[in-house]
mmCIF file of all heavy atoms, coordinates in Angstrom:
data_MODEL
# 
_entry.id   MODEL 
# 
loop_
_atom_site.group_PDB 
_atom_site.id 
_atom_site.type_symbol 
_atom_site.label_atom_id 
_atom_site.label_alt_id 
_atom_site.label_comp_id 
_atom_site.label_asym_id 
_atom_site.label_entity_id 
_atom_site.label_seq_id 
_atom_site.pdbx_PDB_ins_code 
_atom_site.Cartn_x 
_atom_site.Cartn_y 
_atom_site.Cartn_z 
_atom_site.occupancy 
_atom_site.B_iso_or_equiv 
_atom_site.pdbx_formal_charge 
_atom_site.auth_seq_id 
_atom_site.auth_comp_id 
_atom_site.auth_asym_id 
_atom_site.auth_atom_id 
_atom_site.pdbx_PDB_model_num 
ATOM 1   N N   . GLY A 1 1  ? 5.771   -8.938  -2.786  1.00 0.00 ? 1  GLY A N   1 
ATOM 2   C CA  . GLY A 1 1  ? 6.189   -7.975  -3.803  1.00 0.00 ? 1  GLY A CA  1 
ATOM 3   C C   . GLY A 1 1  ? 5.926   -6.538  -3.382  1.00 0.00 ? 1  GLY A C   1 
ATOM 4   O O   . GLY A 1 1  ? 6.792   -5.655  -3.579  1.00 0.00 ? 1  GLY A O   1 
ATOM 5   N N   . PHE A 1 2  ? 4.771   -6.268  -2.781  1.00 0.00 ? 2  PHE A N   1 
ATOM 6   C CA  . PHE A 1 2  ? 4.481   -4.912  -2.310  1.00 0.00 ? 2  PHE A CA  1 
ATOM 7   C C   . PHE A 1 2  ? 5.456   -4.503  -1.212  1.00 0.00 ? 2  PHE A C   1 
ATOM 8   O O   . PHE A 1 2  ? 5.962   -3.376  -1.204  1.00 0.00 ? 2  PHE A O   1 
ATOM 9   C CB  . PHE A 1 2  ? 3.037   -4.856  -1.754  1.00 0.00 ? 2  PHE A CB  1 
ATOM 10  C CG  . PHE A 1 2  ? 2.002   -4.556  -2.799  1.00 0.00 ? 2  PHE A CG  1 
ATOM 11  C CD1 . PHE A 1 2  ? 1.186   -5.568  -3.284  1.00 0.00 ? 2  PHE A CD1 1 
ATOM 12  C CD2 . PHE A 1 2  ? 1.836   -3.265  -3.296  1.00 0.00 ? 2  PHE A CD2 1 
ATOM 13  C CE1 . PHE A 1 2  ? 0.223   -5.299  -4.253  1.00 0.00 ? 2  PHE A CE1 1 
ATOM 14  C CE2 . PHE A 1 2  ? 0.885   -3.004  -4.257  1.00 0.00 ? 2  PHE A CE2 1 
ATOM 15  C CZ  . PHE A 1 2  ? 0.077   -4.007  -4.741  1.00 0.00 ? 2  PHE A CZ  1 
ATOM 16  N N   . ASN A 1 3  ? 5.704   -5.398  -0.266  1.00 0.00 ? 3  ASN A N   1 
ATOM 17  C CA  . ASN A 1 3  ? 6.597   -5.075  0.821   1.00 0.00 ? 3  ASN A CA  1 
ATOM 18  C C   . ASN A 1 3  ? 8.017   -4.781  0.325   1.00 0.00 ? 3  ASN A C   1 
ATOM 19  O O   . ASN A 1 3  ? 8.654   -3.803  0.734   1.00 0.00 ? 3  ASN A O   1 
ATOM 20  C CB  . ASN A 1 3  ? 6.614   -6.238  1.825   1.00 0.00 ? 3  ASN A CB  1 
ATOM 21  C CG  . ASN A 1 3  ? 7.229   -5.861  3.154   1.00 0.00 ? 3  ASN A CG  1 
ATOM 22  O OD1 . ASN A 1 3  ? 6.695   -5.026  3.891   1.00 0.00 ? 3  ASN A OD1 1 
ATOM 23  N ND2 . ASN A 1 3  ? 8.359   -6.451  3.472   1.00 0.00 ? 3  ASN A ND2 1 
ATOM 24  N N   . SER A 1 4  ? 8.502   -5.610  -0.592  1.00 0.00 ? 4  SER A N   1 
ATOM 25  C CA  . SER A 1 4  ? 9.864   -5.433  -1.140  1.00 0.00 ? 4  SER A CA  1 
ATOM 26  C C   . SER A 1 4  ? 9.971   -4.138  -1.923  1.00 0.00 ? 4  SER A C   1 
ATOM 27  O O   . SER A 1 4  ? 10.965  -3.401  -1.782  1.00 0.00 ? 4  SER A O   1 
ATOM 28  C CB  . SER A 1 4  ? 10.230  -6.624  -2.050  1.00 0.00 ? 4  SER A CB  1 
ATOM 29  O OG  . SER A 1 4  ? 10.229  -7.830  -1.317  1.00 0.00 ? 4  SER A OG  1 
ATOM 30  N N   . GLU A 1 5  ? 8.972   -3.844  -2.750  1.00 0.00 ? 5  GLU A N   1 
ATOM 31  C CA  . GLU A 1 5  ? 9.002   -2.640  -3.554  1.00 0.00 ? 5  GLU A CA  1 
ATOM 32  C C   . GLU A 1 5  ? 8.961   -1.375  -2.680  1.00 0.00 ? 5  GLU A C   1 
ATOM 33  O O   . GLU A 1 5  ? 9.661   -0.399  -2.937  1.00 0.00 ? 5  GLU A O   1 
ATOM 34  C CB  . GLU A 1 5  ? 7.851   -2.609  -4.545  1.00 0.00 ? 5  GLU A CB  1 
ATOM 35  C CG  . GLU A 1 5  ? 8.029   -3.513  -5.754  1.00 0.00 ? 5  GLU A CG  1 
ATOM 36  C CD  . GLU A 1 5  ? 9.208   -3.115  -6.625  1.00 0.00 ? 5  GLU A CD  1 
ATOM 37  O OE1 . GLU A 1 5  ? 9.457   -1.888  -6.792  1.00 0.00 ? 5  GLU A OE1 1 
ATOM 38  O OE2 . GLU A 1 5  ? 9.897   -4.014  -7.115  1.00 0.00 ? 5  GLU A OE2 1 
ATOM 39  N N   . LEU A 1 6  ? 8.133   -1.406  -1.635  1.00 0.00 ? 6  LEU A N   1 
ATOM 40  C CA  . LEU A 1 6  ? 8.053   -0.259  -0.729  1.00 0.00 ? 6  LEU A CA  1 
ATOM 41  C C   . LEU A 1 6  ? 9.397   -0.004  -0.051  1.00 0.00 ? 6  LEU A C   1 
ATOM 42  O O   . LEU A 1 6  ? 9.859   1.128   0.015   1.00 0.00 ? 6  LEU A O   1 
ATOM 43  C CB  . LEU A 1 6  ? 6.955   -0.499  0.294   1.00 0.00 ? 6  LEU A CB  1 
ATOM 44  C CG  . LEU A 1 6  ? 6.773   0.646   1.308   1.00 0.00 ? 6  LEU A CG  1 
ATOM 45  C CD1 . LEU A 1 6  ? 6.166   1.864   0.653   1.00 0.00 ? 6  LEU A CD1 1 
ATOM 46  C CD2 . LEU A 1 6  ? 5.880   0.188   2.466   1.00 0.00 ? 6  LEU A CD2 1 
ATOM 47  N N   . LEU A 1 7  ? 10.019  -1.070  0.431   1.00 0.00 ? 7  LEU A N   1 
ATOM 48  C CA  . LEU A 1 7  ? 11.283  -0.933  1.171   1.00 0.00 ? 7  LEU A CA  1 
ATOM 49  C C   . LEU A 1 7  ? 12.417  -0.477  0.271   1.00 0.00 ? 7  LEU A C   1 
ATOM 50  O O   . LEU A 1 7  ? 13.369  0.165   0.731   1.00 0.00 ? 7  LEU A O   1 
ATOM 51  C CB  . LEU A 1 7  ? 11.656  -2.253  1.868   1.00 0.00 ? 7  LEU A CB  1 
ATOM 52  C CG  . LEU A 1 7  ? 10.710  -2.680  2.993   1.00 0.00 ? 7  LEU A CG  1 
ATOM 53  C CD1 . LEU A 1 7  ? 11.119  -4.026  3.546   1.00 0.00 ? 7  LEU A CD1 1 
ATOM 54  C CD2 . LEU A 1 7  ? 10.670  -1.623  4.088   1.00 0.00 ? 7  LEU A CD2 1 
ATOM 55  N N   . LYS A 1 8  ? 12.331  -0.749  -1.030  1.00 0.00 ? 8  LYS A N   1 
ATOM 56  C CA  . LYS A 1 8  ? 13.347  -0.261  -1.973  1.00 0.00 ? 8  LYS A CA  1 
ATOM 57  C C   . LYS A 1 8  ? 13.387  1.263   -1.965  1.00 0.00 ? 8  LYS A C   1 
ATOM 58  O O   . LYS A 1 8  ? 14.447  1.881   -2.011  1.00 0.00 ? 8  LYS A O   1 
ATOM 59  C CB  . LYS A 1 8  ? 13.024  -0.747  -3.393  1.00 0.00 ? 8  LYS A CB  1 
ATOM 60  C CG  . LYS A 1 8  ? 13.419  -2.166  -3.702  1.00 0.00 ? 8  LYS A CG  1 
ATOM 61  C CD  . LYS A 1 8  ? 13.095  -2.463  -5.160  1.00 0.00 ? 8  LYS A CD  1 
ATOM 62  C CE  . LYS A 1 8  ? 13.286  -3.938  -5.505  1.00 0.00 ? 8  LYS A CE  1 
ATOM 63  N NZ  . LYS A 1 8  ? 12.910  -4.224  -6.901  1.00 0.00 ? 8  LYS A NZ  1 
ATOM 64  N N   . HIS A 1 9  ? 12.210  1.842   -1.924  1.00 0.00 ? 9  HIS A N   1 
ATOM 65  C CA  . HIS A 1 9  ? 12.108  3.314   -2.024  1.00 0.00 ? 9  HIS A CA  1 
ATOM 66  C C   . HIS A 1 9  ? 12.072  3.984   -0.661  1.00 0.00 ? 9  HIS A C   1 
ATOM 67  O O   . HIS A 1 9  ? 12.562  5.105   -0.518  1.00 0.00 ? 9  HIS A O   1 
ATOM 68  C CB  . HIS A 1 9  ? 10.855  3.682   -2.827  1.00 0.00 ? 9  HIS A CB  1 
ATOM 69  C CG  . HIS A 1 9  ? 10.840  3.152   -4.223  1.00 0.00 ? 9  HIS A CG  1 
ATOM 70  N ND1 . HIS A 1 9  ? 11.524  3.759   -5.242  1.00 0.00 ? 9  HIS A ND1 1 
ATOM 71  C CD2 . HIS A 1 9  ? 10.258  2.071   -4.767  1.00 0.00 ? 9  HIS A CD2 1 
ATOM 72  C CE1 . HIS A 1 9  ? 11.326  3.069   -6.364  1.00 0.00 ? 9  HIS A CE1 1 
ATOM 73  N NE2 . HIS A 1 9  ? 10.572  2.052   -6.112  1.00 0.00 ? 9  HIS A NE2 1 
ATOM 74  N N   . PHE A 1 10 ? 11.456  3.306   0.334   1.00 0.00 ? 10 PHE A N   1 
ATOM 75  C CA  . PHE A 1 10 ? 11.298  3.906   1.650   1.00 0.00 ? 10 PHE A CA  1 
ATOM 76  C C   . PHE A 1 10 ? 11.653  2.855   2.722   1.00 0.00 ? 10 PHE A C   1 
ATOM 77  O O   . PHE A 1 10 ? 10.773  2.206   3.286   1.00 0.00 ? 10 PHE A O   1 
ATOM 78  C CB  . PHE A 1 10 ? 9.861   4.392   1.854   1.00 0.00 ? 10 PHE A CB  1 
ATOM 79  C CG  . PHE A 1 10 ? 9.373   5.338   0.779   1.00 0.00 ? 10 PHE A CG  1 
ATOM 80  C CD1 . PHE A 1 10 ? 8.488   4.894   -0.193  1.00 0.00 ? 10 PHE A CD1 1 
ATOM 81  C CD2 . PHE A 1 10 ? 9.818   6.650   0.733   1.00 0.00 ? 10 PHE A CD2 1 
ATOM 82  C CE1 . PHE A 1 10 ? 8.044   5.741   -1.181  1.00 0.00 ? 10 PHE A CE1 1 
ATOM 83  C CE2 . PHE A 1 10 ? 9.380   7.496   -0.266  1.00 0.00 ? 10 PHE A CE2 1 
ATOM 84  C CZ  . PHE A 1 10 ? 8.503   7.057   -1.222  1.00 0.00 ? 10 PHE A CZ  1 
ATOM 85  N N   . PRO A 1 11 ? 12.937  2.681   3.000   1.00 0.00 ? 11 PRO A N   1 
ATOM 86  C CA  . PRO A 1 11 ? 13.401  1.609   3.893   1.00 0.00 ? 11 PRO A CA  1 
ATOM 87  C C   . PRO A 1 11 ? 12.813  1.669   5.291   1.00 0.00 ? 11 PRO A C   1 
ATOM 88  O O   . PRO A 1 11 ? 12.757  0.641   5.982   1.00 0.00 ? 11 PRO A O   1 
ATOM 89  C CB  . PRO A 1 11 ? 14.924  1.795   3.925   1.00 0.00 ? 11 PRO A CB  1 
ATOM 90  C CG  . PRO A 1 11 ? 15.251  2.556   2.674   1.00 0.00 ? 11 PRO A CG  1 
ATOM 91  C CD  . PRO A 1 11 ? 14.078  3.430   2.420   1.00 0.00 ? 11 PRO A CD  1 
ATOM 92  N N   . GLU A 1 12 ? 12.393  2.834   5.755   1.00 0.00 ? 12 GLU A N   1 
ATOM 93  C CA  . GLU A 1 12 ? 11.877  2.956   7.109   1.00 0.00 ? 12 GLU A CA  1 
ATOM 94  C C   . GLU A 1 12 ? 10.358  2.880   7.189   1.00 0.00 ? 12 GLU A C   1 
ATOM 95  O O   . GLU A 1 12 ? 9.787   2.949   8.278   1.00 0.00 ? 12 GLU A O   1 
ATOM 96  C CB  . GLU A 1 12 ? 12.356  4.290   7.712   1.00 0.00 ? 12 GLU A CB  1 
ATOM 97  C CG  . GLU A 1 12 ? 13.878  4.372   7.866   1.00 0.00 ? 12 GLU A CG  1 
ATOM 98  C CD  . GLU A 1 12 ? 14.305  5.670   8.502   1.00 0.00 ? 12 GLU A CD  1 
ATOM 99  O OE1 . GLU A 1 12 ? 13.423  6.488   8.850   1.00 0.00 ? 12 GLU A OE1 1 
ATOM 100 O OE2 . GLU A 1 12 ? 15.524  5.879   8.647   1.00 0.00 ? 12 GLU A OE2 1 
ATOM 101 N N   . SER A 1 13 ? 9.694   2.715   6.034   1.00 0.00 ? 13 SER A N   1 
ATOM 102 C CA  . SER A 1 13 ? 8.225   2.638   6.043   1.00 0.00 ? 13 SER A CA  1 
ATOM 103 C C   . SER A 1 13 ? 7.757   1.218   6.293   1.00 0.00 ? 13 SER A C   1 
ATOM 104 O O   . SER A 1 13 ? 8.461   0.253   5.993   1.00 0.00 ? 13 SER A O   1 
ATOM 105 C CB  . SER A 1 13 ? 7.669   3.156   4.702   1.00 0.00 ? 13 SER A CB  1 
ATOM 106 O OG  . SER A 1 13 ? 7.808   4.543   4.600   1.00 0.00 ? 13 SER A OG  1 
ATOM 107 N N   . GLU A 1 14 ? 6.555   1.127   6.821   1.00 0.00 ? 14 GLU A N   1 
ATOM 108 C CA  . GLU A 1 14 ? 5.992   -0.179  7.181   1.00 0.00 ? 14 GLU A CA  1 
ATOM 109 C C   . GLU A 1 14 ? 4.664   -0.370  6.460   1.00 0.00 ? 14 GLU A C   1 
ATOM 110 O O   . GLU A 1 14 ? 3.729   0.396   6.650   1.00 0.00 ? 14 GLU A O   1 
ATOM 111 C CB  . GLU A 1 14 ? 5.782   -0.211  8.705   1.00 0.00 ? 14 GLU A CB  1 
ATOM 112 C CG  . GLU A 1 14 ? 5.740   -1.609  9.298   1.00 0.00 ? 14 GLU A CG  1 
ATOM 113 C CD  . GLU A 1 14 ? 5.818   -1.552  10.811  1.00 0.00 ? 14 GLU A CD  1 
ATOM 114 O OE1 . GLU A 1 14 ? 5.064   -0.780  11.419  1.00 0.00 ? 14 GLU A OE1 1 
ATOM 115 O OE2 . GLU A 1 14 ? 6.637   -2.278  11.398  1.00 0.00 ? 14 GLU A OE2 1 
ATOM 116 N N   . LEU A 1 15 ? 4.603   -1.408  5.630   1.00 0.00 ? 15 LEU A N   1 
ATOM 117 C CA  . LEU A 1 15 ? 3.370   -1.698  4.890   1.00 0.00 ? 15 LEU A CA  1 
ATOM 118 C C   . LEU A 1 15 ? 2.342   -2.342  5.810   1.00 0.00 ? 15 LEU A C   1 
ATOM 119 O O   . LEU A 1 15 ? 2.591   -3.382  6.394   1.00 0.00 ? 15 LEU A O   1 
ATOM 120 C CB  . LEU A 1 15 ? 3.670   -2.641  3.731   1.00 0.00 ? 15 LEU A CB  1 
ATOM 121 C CG  . LEU A 1 15 ? 2.450   -2.972  2.834   1.00 0.00 ? 15 LEU A CG  1 
ATOM 122 C CD1 . LEU A 1 15 ? 2.027   -1.753  2.030   1.00 0.00 ? 15 LEU A CD1 1 
ATOM 123 C CD2 . LEU A 1 15 ? 2.774   -4.130  1.893   1.00 0.00 ? 15 LEU A CD2 1 
ATOM 124 N N   . GLU A 1 16 ? 1.186   -1.671  5.953   1.00 0.00 ? 16 GLU A N   1 
ATOM 125 C CA  . GLU A 1 16 ? 0.099   -2.201  6.793   1.00 0.00 ? 16 GLU A CA  1 
ATOM 126 C C   . GLU A 1 16 ? -1.227  -1.859  6.157   1.00 0.00 ? 16 GLU A C   1 
ATOM 127 O O   . GLU A 1 16 ? -1.342  -0.975  5.325   1.00 0.00 ? 16 GLU A O   1 
ATOM 128 C CB  . GLU A 1 16 ? 0.201   -1.651  8.224   1.00 0.00 ? 16 GLU A CB  1 
ATOM 129 C CG  . GLU A 1 16 ? 1.410   -2.204  8.973   1.00 0.00 ? 16 GLU A CG  1 
ATOM 130 C CD  . GLU A 1 16 ? 1.506   -1.665  10.390  1.00 0.00 ? 16 GLU A CD  1 
ATOM 131 O OE1 . GLU A 1 16 ? 1.293   -0.445  10.572  1.00 0.00 ? 16 GLU A OE1 1 
ATOM 132 O OE2 . GLU A 1 16 ? 1.800   -2.451  11.286  1.00 0.00 ? 16 GLU A OE2 1 
ATOM 133 N N   . GLY A 1 17 ? -2.254  -2.609  6.559   1.00 0.00 ? 17 GLY A N   1 
ATOM 134 C CA  . GLY A 1 17 ? -3.599  -2.384  6.024   1.00 0.00 ? 17 GLY A CA  1 
ATOM 135 C C   . GLY A 1 17 ? -4.522  -3.494  6.421   1.00 0.00 ? 17 GLY A C   1 
ATOM 136 O O   . GLY A 1 17 ? -4.452  -4.033  7.524   1.00 0.00 ? 17 GLY A O   1 
ATOM 137 N N   . ALA A 1 18 ? -5.379  -3.921  5.465   1.00 0.00 ? 18 ALA A N   1 
ATOM 138 C CA  . ALA A 1 18 ? -6.381  -4.934  5.813   1.00 0.00 ? 18 ALA A CA  1 
ATOM 139 C C   . ALA A 1 18 ? -6.883  -5.638  4.564   1.00 0.00 ? 18 ALA A C   1 
ATOM 140 O O   . ALA A 1 18 ? -6.812  -5.122  3.448   1.00 0.00 ? 18 ALA A O   1 
ATOM 141 C CB  . ALA A 1 18 ? -7.564  -4.293  6.546   1.00 0.00 ? 18 ALA A CB  1 
ATOM 142 N N   . LEU A 1 19 ? -7.376  -6.862  4.767   1.00 0.00 ? 19 LEU A N   1 
ATOM 143 C CA  . LEU A 1 19 ? -8.165  -7.549  3.733   1.00 0.00 ? 19 LEU A CA  1 
ATOM 144 C C   . LEU A 1 19 ? -9.592  -7.096  3.941   1.00 0.00 ? 19 LEU A C   1 
ATOM 145 O O   . LEU A 1 19 ? -10.196 -7.333  4.988   1.00 0.00 ? 19 LEU A O   1 
ATOM 146 C CB  . LEU A 1 19 ? -8.034  -9.070  3.917   1.00 0.00 ? 19 LEU A CB  1 
ATOM 147 C CG  . LEU A 1 19 ? -6.616  -9.650  3.809   1.00 0.00 ? 19 LEU A CG  1 
ATOM 148 C CD1 . LEU A 1 19 ? -6.664  -11.174 3.934   1.00 0.00 ? 19 LEU A CD1 1 
ATOM 149 C CD2 . LEU A 1 19 ? -5.989  -9.269  2.468   1.00 0.00 ? 19 LEU A CD2 1 
ATOM 150 N N   . SER A 1 20 ? -10.124 -6.426  2.954   1.00 0.00 ? 20 SER A N   1 
ATOM 151 C CA  . SER A 1 20 ? -11.396 -5.710  3.069   1.00 0.00 ? 20 SER A CA  1 
ATOM 152 C C   . SER A 1 20 ? -12.523 -6.374  2.307   1.00 0.00 ? 20 SER A C   1 
ATOM 153 O O   . SER A 1 20 ? -12.319 -7.253  1.468   1.00 0.00 ? 20 SER A O   1 
ATOM 154 C CB  . SER A 1 20 ? -11.199 -4.265  2.594   1.00 0.00 ? 20 SER A CB  1 
ATOM 155 O OG  . SER A 1 20 ? -10.606 -4.247  1.291   1.00 0.00 ? 20 SER A OG  1 
ATOM 156 N N   . ILE A 1 21 ? -13.744 -5.914  2.591   1.00 0.00 ? 21 ILE A N   1 
ATOM 157 C CA  . ILE A 1 21 ? -14.926 -6.372  1.868   1.00 0.00 ? 21 ILE A CA  1 
ATOM 158 C C   . ILE A 1 21 ? -15.317 -5.248  0.918   1.00 0.00 ? 21 ILE A C   1 
ATOM 159 O O   . ILE A 1 21 ? -16.218 -4.459  1.179   1.00 0.00 ? 21 ILE A O   1 
ATOM 160 C CB  . ILE A 1 21 ? -16.075 -6.704  2.845   1.00 0.00 ? 21 ILE A CB  1 
ATOM 161 C CG1 . ILE A 1 21 ? -15.593 -7.705  3.910   1.00 0.00 ? 21 ILE A CG1 1 
ATOM 162 C CG2 . ILE A 1 21 ? -17.271 -7.287  2.081   1.00 0.00 ? 21 ILE A CG2 1 
ATOM 163 C CD1 . ILE A 1 21 ? -16.583 -7.951  5.012   1.00 0.00 ? 21 ILE A CD1 1 
ATOM 164 N N   . GLY A 1 22 ? -14.593 -5.167  -0.176  1.00 0.00 ? 22 GLY A N   1 
ATOM 165 C CA  . GLY A 1 22 ? -14.753 -4.053  -1.107  1.00 0.00 ? 22 GLY A CA  1 
ATOM 166 C C   . GLY A 1 22 ? -13.703 -2.987  -0.845  1.00 0.00 ? 22 GLY A C   1 
ATOM 167 O O   . GLY A 1 22 ? -13.240 -2.820  0.301   1.00 0.00 ? 22 GLY A O   1 
ATOM 168 N N   . GLU A 1 23 ? -13.301 -2.299  -1.899  1.00 0.00 ? 23 GLU A N   1 
ATOM 169 C CA  . GLU A 1 23 ? -12.255 -1.297  -1.797  1.00 0.00 ? 23 GLU A CA  1 
ATOM 170 C C   . GLU A 1 23 ? -12.772 0.021   -2.387  1.00 0.00 ? 23 GLU A C   1 
ATOM 171 O O   . GLU A 1 23 ? -13.521 0.040   -3.349  1.00 0.00 ? 23 GLU A O   1 
ATOM 172 C CB  . GLU A 1 23 ? -11.003 -1.757  -2.590  1.00 0.00 ? 23 GLU A CB  1 
ATOM 173 C CG  . GLU A 1 23 ? -10.399 -3.017  -2.059  1.00 0.00 ? 23 GLU A CG  1 
ATOM 174 C CD  . GLU A 1 23 ? -11.245 -4.251  -2.347  1.00 0.00 ? 23 GLU A CD  1 
ATOM 175 O OE1 . GLU A 1 23 ? -11.592 -4.491  -3.530  1.00 0.00 ? 23 GLU A OE1 1 
ATOM 176 O OE2 . GLU A 1 23 ? -11.596 -4.963  -1.378  1.00 0.00 ? 23 GLU A OE2 1 
ATOM 177 N N   . ILE A 1 24 ? -12.320 1.121   -1.788  1.00 0.00 ? 24 ILE A N   1 
ATOM 178 C CA  . ILE A 1 24 ? -12.812 2.457   -2.169  1.00 0.00 ? 24 ILE A CA  1 
ATOM 179 C C   . ILE A 1 24 ? -11.697 3.217   -2.847  1.00 0.00 ? 24 ILE A C   1 
ATOM 180 O O   . ILE A 1 24 ? -10.582 3.321   -2.313  1.00 0.00 ? 24 ILE A O   1 
ATOM 181 C CB  . ILE A 1 24 ? -13.297 3.212   -0.919  1.00 0.00 ? 24 ILE A CB  1 
ATOM 182 C CG1 . ILE A 1 24 ? -14.485 2.482   -0.305  1.00 0.00 ? 24 ILE A CG1 1 
ATOM 183 C CG2 . ILE A 1 24 ? -13.691 4.657   -1.267  1.00 0.00 ? 24 ILE A CG2 1 
ATOM 184 C CD1 . ILE A 1 24 ? -14.807 2.935   1.096   1.00 0.00 ? 24 ILE A CD1 1 
ATOM 185 N N   . TYR A 1 25 ? -12.000 3.757   -4.026  1.00 0.00 ? 25 TYR A N   1 
ATOM 186 C CA  . TYR A 1 25 ? -10.955 4.445   -4.789  1.00 0.00 ? 25 TYR A CA  1 
ATOM 187 C C   . TYR A 1 25 ? -11.543 5.431   -5.757  1.00 0.00 ? 25 TYR A C   1 
ATOM 188 O O   . TYR A 1 25 ? -12.482 5.167   -6.478  1.00 0.00 ? 25 TYR A O   1 
ATOM 189 C CB  . TYR A 1 25 ? -10.132 3.435   -5.578  1.00 0.00 ? 25 TYR A CB  1 
ATOM 190 C CG  . TYR A 1 25 ? -9.171  4.065   -6.579  1.00 0.00 ? 25 TYR A CG  1 
ATOM 191 C CD1 . TYR A 1 25 ? -7.963  4.624   -6.165  1.00 0.00 ? 25 TYR A CD1 1 
ATOM 192 C CD2 . TYR A 1 25 ? -9.498  4.132   -7.929  1.00 0.00 ? 25 TYR A CD2 1 
ATOM 193 C CE1 . TYR A 1 25 ? -7.095  5.196   -7.078  1.00 0.00 ? 25 TYR A CE1 1 
ATOM 194 C CE2 . TYR A 1 25 ? -8.631  4.700   -8.855  1.00 0.00 ? 25 TYR A CE2 1 
ATOM 195 C CZ  . TYR A 1 25 ? -7.434  5.251   -8.415  1.00 0.00 ? 25 TYR A CZ  1 
ATOM 196 O OH  . TYR A 1 25 ? -6.577  5.818   -9.306  1.00 0.00 ? 25 TYR A OH  1 
ATOM 197 N N   . SER A 1 26 ? -10.995 6.629   -5.758  1.00 0.00 ? 26 SER A N   1 
ATOM 198 C CA  . SER A 1 26 ? -11.162 7.601   -6.827  1.00 0.00 ? 26 SER A CA  1 
ATOM 199 C C   . SER A 1 26 ? -10.000 8.566   -6.761  1.00 0.00 ? 26 SER A C   1 
ATOM 200 O O   . SER A 1 26 ? -9.708  9.127   -5.703  1.00 0.00 ? 26 SER A O   1 
ATOM 201 C CB  . SER A 1 26 ? -12.478 8.379   -6.683  1.00 0.00 ? 26 SER A CB  1 
ATOM 202 O OG  . SER A 1 26 ? -12.557 9.401   -7.672  1.00 0.00 ? 26 SER A OG  1 
ATOM 203 N N   . SER A 1 27 ? -9.325  8.741   -7.876  1.00 0.00 ? 27 SER A N   1 
ATOM 204 C CA  . SER A 1 27 ? -8.102  9.553   -7.911  1.00 0.00 ? 27 SER A CA  1 
ATOM 205 C C   . SER A 1 27 ? -8.407  11.046  -7.957  1.00 0.00 ? 27 SER A C   1 
ATOM 206 O O   . SER A 1 27 ? -7.491  11.866  -7.997  1.00 0.00 ? 27 SER A O   1 
ATOM 207 C CB  . SER A 1 27 ? -7.267  9.172   -9.130  1.00 0.00 ? 27 SER A CB  1 
ATOM 208 O OG  . SER A 1 27 ? -8.006  9.440   -10.325 1.00 0.00 ? 27 SER A OG  1 
ATOM 209 N N   . GLY A 1 28 ? -9.661  11.430  -7.974  1.00 0.00 ? 28 GLY A N   1 
ATOM 210 C CA  . GLY A 1 28 ? -10.031 12.817  -8.105  1.00 0.00 ? 28 GLY A CA  1 
ATOM 211 C C   . GLY A 1 28 ? -10.371 13.216  -9.510  1.00 0.00 ? 28 GLY A C   1 
ATOM 212 O O   . GLY A 1 28 ? -10.697 14.381  -9.784  1.00 0.00 ? 28 GLY A O   1 
ATOM 213 N N   . SER A 1 29 ? -10.342 12.258  -10.423 1.00 0.00 ? 29 SER A N   1 
ATOM 214 C CA  . SER A 1 29 ? -10.649 12.571  -11.819 1.00 0.00 ? 29 SER A CA  1 
ATOM 215 C C   . SER A 1 29 ? -11.727 11.626  -12.381 1.00 0.00 ? 29 SER A C   1 
ATOM 216 O O   . SER A 1 29 ? -11.877 11.490  -13.581 1.00 0.00 ? 29 SER A O   1 
ATOM 217 C CB  . SER A 1 29 ? -9.388  12.466  -12.678 1.00 0.00 ? 29 SER A CB  1 
ATOM 218 O OG  . SER A 1 29 ? -8.845  11.161  -12.617 1.00 0.00 ? 29 SER A OG  1 
# 
């Protein structure tokens, strides 16, 4: 689903990353 959705909007982009031990996130707010 992530790969398909990304390619809909950005056909030349490549989804990559990792399966992690915890995830880091803060939007700045």
